[in-house]
Amino acid sequence: MAEDSSGTKTPTPGFVLPGLRCGVEMALVGTIVLLIGLPTEEPIRLGIVFLSALLAMTVVLFWAVGRHMRRWIRYAQGKPTRTTPFD
């Protein structure tokens, strides 16, 4: 299924390294948002800062899942799974 015309098998995309990368990216985004917005003492602004950090981390999570799904689709099609360092 995942073999090209020369008979060599393309490597499967892993789960550990993309998961670690996603976790680090989520932590960095959440930390940046919290560091920018936490010097506030008002409860409403504090809630907005926490919600925006959670929203940003969710966006990063779904972006990483989409990127990983594209790699698995390319693997199922028999194409190389690593196209660019940022993909």
C-alpha atoms as a PDB file:
ATOM      1  CA  MET A   1       0.000   0.000   0.000  1.00  0.00           C
ATOM      2  CA  ALA A   2       2.728   2.497   0.893  1.00  0.00           C
ATOM      3  CA  GLU A   3       5.307   1.307  -1.618  1.00  0.00           C
ATOM      4  CA  ASP A   4       6.528   3.273  -4.577  1.00  0.00           C
ATOM      5  CA  SER A   5       7.614   1.867  -7.949  1.00  0.00           C
ATOM      6  CA  SER A   6      11.161   0.993  -6.799  1.00  0.00           C
ATOM      7  CA  GLY A   7       9.877  -1.241  -3.994  1.00  0.00           C
ATOM      8  CA  THR A   8      11.261   0.792  -1.095  1.00  0.00           C
ATOM      9  CA  LYS A   9       8.844   1.487   1.692  1.00  0.00           C
ATOM     10  CA  THR A  10       8.328   5.048   2.914  1.00  0.00           C
ATOM     11  CA  PRO A  11       8.747   5.470   6.667  1.00  0.00           C
ATOM     12  CA  THR A  12       5.610   5.963   8.705  1.00  0.00           C
ATOM     13  CA  PRO A  13       5.100   9.299  10.420  1.00  0.00           C
ATOM     14  CA  GLY A  14       5.735   8.916  14.123  1.00  0.00           C
ATOM     15  CA  PHE A  15       3.562  10.059  16.981  1.00  0.00           C
ATOM     16  CA  VAL A  16       6.068  10.826  19.749  1.00  0.00           C
ATOM     17  CA  LEU A  17       8.088  13.636  18.143  1.00  0.00           C
ATOM     18  CA  PRO A  18       5.065  15.445  16.636  1.00  0.00           C
ATOM     19  CA  GLY A  19       3.303  15.136  19.997  1.00  0.00           C
ATOM     20  CA  LEU A  20       6.282  16.578  21.854  1.00  0.00           C
ATOM     21  CA  ARG A  21       6.582  19.379  19.305  1.00  0.00           C
ATOM     22  CA  CYS A  22       2.882  20.192  19.665  1.00  0.00           C
ATOM     23  CA  GLY A  23       3.172  20.225  23.456  1.00  0.00           C
ATOM     24  CA  VAL A  24       6.142  22.579  23.365  1.00  0.00           C
ATOM     25  CA  GLU A  25       4.405  24.878  20.871  1.00  0.00           C
ATOM     26  CA  MET A  26       1.247  24.961  23.000  1.00  0.00           C
ATOM     27  CA  ALA A  27       3.256  25.712  26.144  1.00  0.00           C
ATOM     28  CA  LEU A  28       5.156  28.511  24.413  1.00  0.00           C
ATOM     29  CA  VAL A  29       2.018  30.136  23.019  1.00  0.00           C
ATOM     30  CA  GLY A  30       0.209  29.894  26.345  1.00  0.00           C
ATOM     31  CA  THR A  31       3.213  31.278  28.236  1.00  0.00           C
ATOM     32  CA  ILE A  32       3.606  34.210  25.854  1.00  0.00           C
ATOM     33  CA  VAL A  33      -0.073  35.135  26.122  1.00  0.00           C
ATOM     34  CA  LEU A  34      -0.012  34.824  29.913  1.00  0.00           C
ATOM     35  CA  LEU A  35       3.197  36.834  30.285  1.00  0.00           C
ATOM     36  CA  ILE A  36       1.780  39.652  28.181  1.00  0.00           C
ATOM     37  CA  GLY A  37      -1.590  39.761  29.894  1.00  0.00           C
ATOM     38  CA  LEU A  38      -1.022  38.741  33.506  1.00  0.00           C
ATOM     39  CA  PRO A  39       0.052  42.076  35.011  1.00  0.00           C
ATOM     40  CA  THR A  40      -3.629  42.748  35.644  1.00  0.00           C
ATOM     41  CA  GLU A  41      -5.565  42.546  38.873  1.00  0.00           C
ATOM     42  CA  GLU A  42      -9.103  42.927  37.575  1.00  0.00           C
ATOM     43  CA  PRO A  43     -10.969  39.603  37.497  1.00  0.00           C
ATOM     44  CA  ILE A  44     -12.625  40.253  34.130  1.00  0.00           C
ATOM     45  CA  ARG A  45      -9.349  41.042  32.385  1.00  0.00           C
ATOM     46  CA  LEU A  46      -7.722  38.074  34.096  1.00  0.00           C
ATOM     47  CA  GLY A  47     -10.461  35.809  32.749  1.00  0.00           C
ATOM     48  CA  ILE A  48     -10.036  37.249  29.270  1.00  0.00           C
ATOM     49  CA  VAL A  49      -6.288  36.588  29.431  1.00  0.00           C
ATOM     50  CA  PHE A  50      -6.811  32.981  30.530  1.00  0.00           C
ATOM     51  CA  LEU A  51      -9.460  32.377  27.869  1.00  0.00           C
ATOM     52  CA  SER A  52      -7.297  33.852  25.126  1.00  0.00           C
ATOM     53  CA  ALA A  53      -4.368  31.642  26.233  1.00  0.00           C
ATOM     54  CA  LEU A  54      -6.647  28.590  26.152  1.00  0.00           C
ATOM     55  CA  LEU A  55      -7.992  29.580  22.726  1.00  0.00           C
ATOM     56  CA  ALA A  56      -4.477  30.100  21.338  1.00  0.00           C
ATOM     57  CA  MET A  57      -3.363  26.712  22.658  1.00  0.00           C
ATOM     58  CA  THR A  58      -6.416  25.058  21.077  1.00  0.00           C
ATOM     59  CA  VAL A  59      -5.622  26.663  17.723  1.00  0.00           C
ATOM     60  CA  VAL A  60      -2.049  25.345  17.910  1.00  0.00           C
ATOM     61  CA  LEU A  61      -3.348  21.867  18.809  1.00  0.00           C
ATOM     62  CA  PHE A  62      -5.701  21.669  15.824  1.00  0.00           C
ATOM     63  CA  TRP A  63      -3.034  23.103  13.513  1.00  0.00           C
ATOM     64  CA  ALA A  64      -0.620  20.366  14.628  1.00  0.00           C
ATOM     65  CA  VAL A  65      -3.264  17.648  14.235  1.00  0.00           C
ATOM     66  CA  GLY A  66      -4.006  18.860  10.695  1.00  0.00           C
ATOM     67  CA  ARG A  67      -0.308  18.849   9.853  1.00  0.00           C
ATOM     68  CA  HIS A  68       0.050  15.299  11.168  1.00  0.00           C
ATOM     69  CA  MET A  69      -3.033  14.115   9.276  1.00  0.00           C
ATOM     70  CA  ARG A  70      -1.546  15.498   6.045  1.00  0.00           C
ATOM     71  CA  ARG A  71       1.591  13.435   6.684  1.00  0.00           C
ATOM     72  CA  TRP A  72      -0.452  10.258   7.208  1.00  0.00           C
ATOM     73  CA  ILE A  73      -2.447  10.951   4.030  1.00  0.00           C
ATOM     74  CA  ARG A  74       0.795  11.389   2.069  1.00  0.00           C
ATOM     75  CA  TYR A  75       2.064   8.127   3.607  1.00  0.00           C
ATOM     76  CA  ALA A  76      -1.127   6.303   2.536  1.00  0.00           C
ATOM     77  CA  GLN A  77      -0.673   7.666  -0.999  1.00  0.00           C
ATOM     78  CA  GLY A  78       2.916   6.408  -1.105  1.00  0.00           C
ATOM     79  CA  LYS A  79       4.436   9.889  -1.268  1.00  0.00           C
ATOM     80  CA  PRO A  80       7.293  11.190   0.904  1.00  0.00           C
ATOM     81  CA  THR A  81       6.017  12.271   4.318  1.00  0.00           C
ATOM     82  CA  ARG A  82       8.591  14.994   4.925  1.00  0.00           C
ATOM     83  CA  THR A  83       8.072  17.832   2.461  1.00  0.00           C
ATOM     84  CA  THR A  84       9.553  20.824   4.321  1.00  0.00           C
ATOM     85  CA  PRO A  85      10.898  21.406   7.828  1.00  0.00           C
ATOM     86  CA  PHE A  86       7.831  23.528   8.627  1.00  0.00           C
ATOM     87  CA  ASP A  87       5.208  21.148   7.276  1.00  0.00           C
END
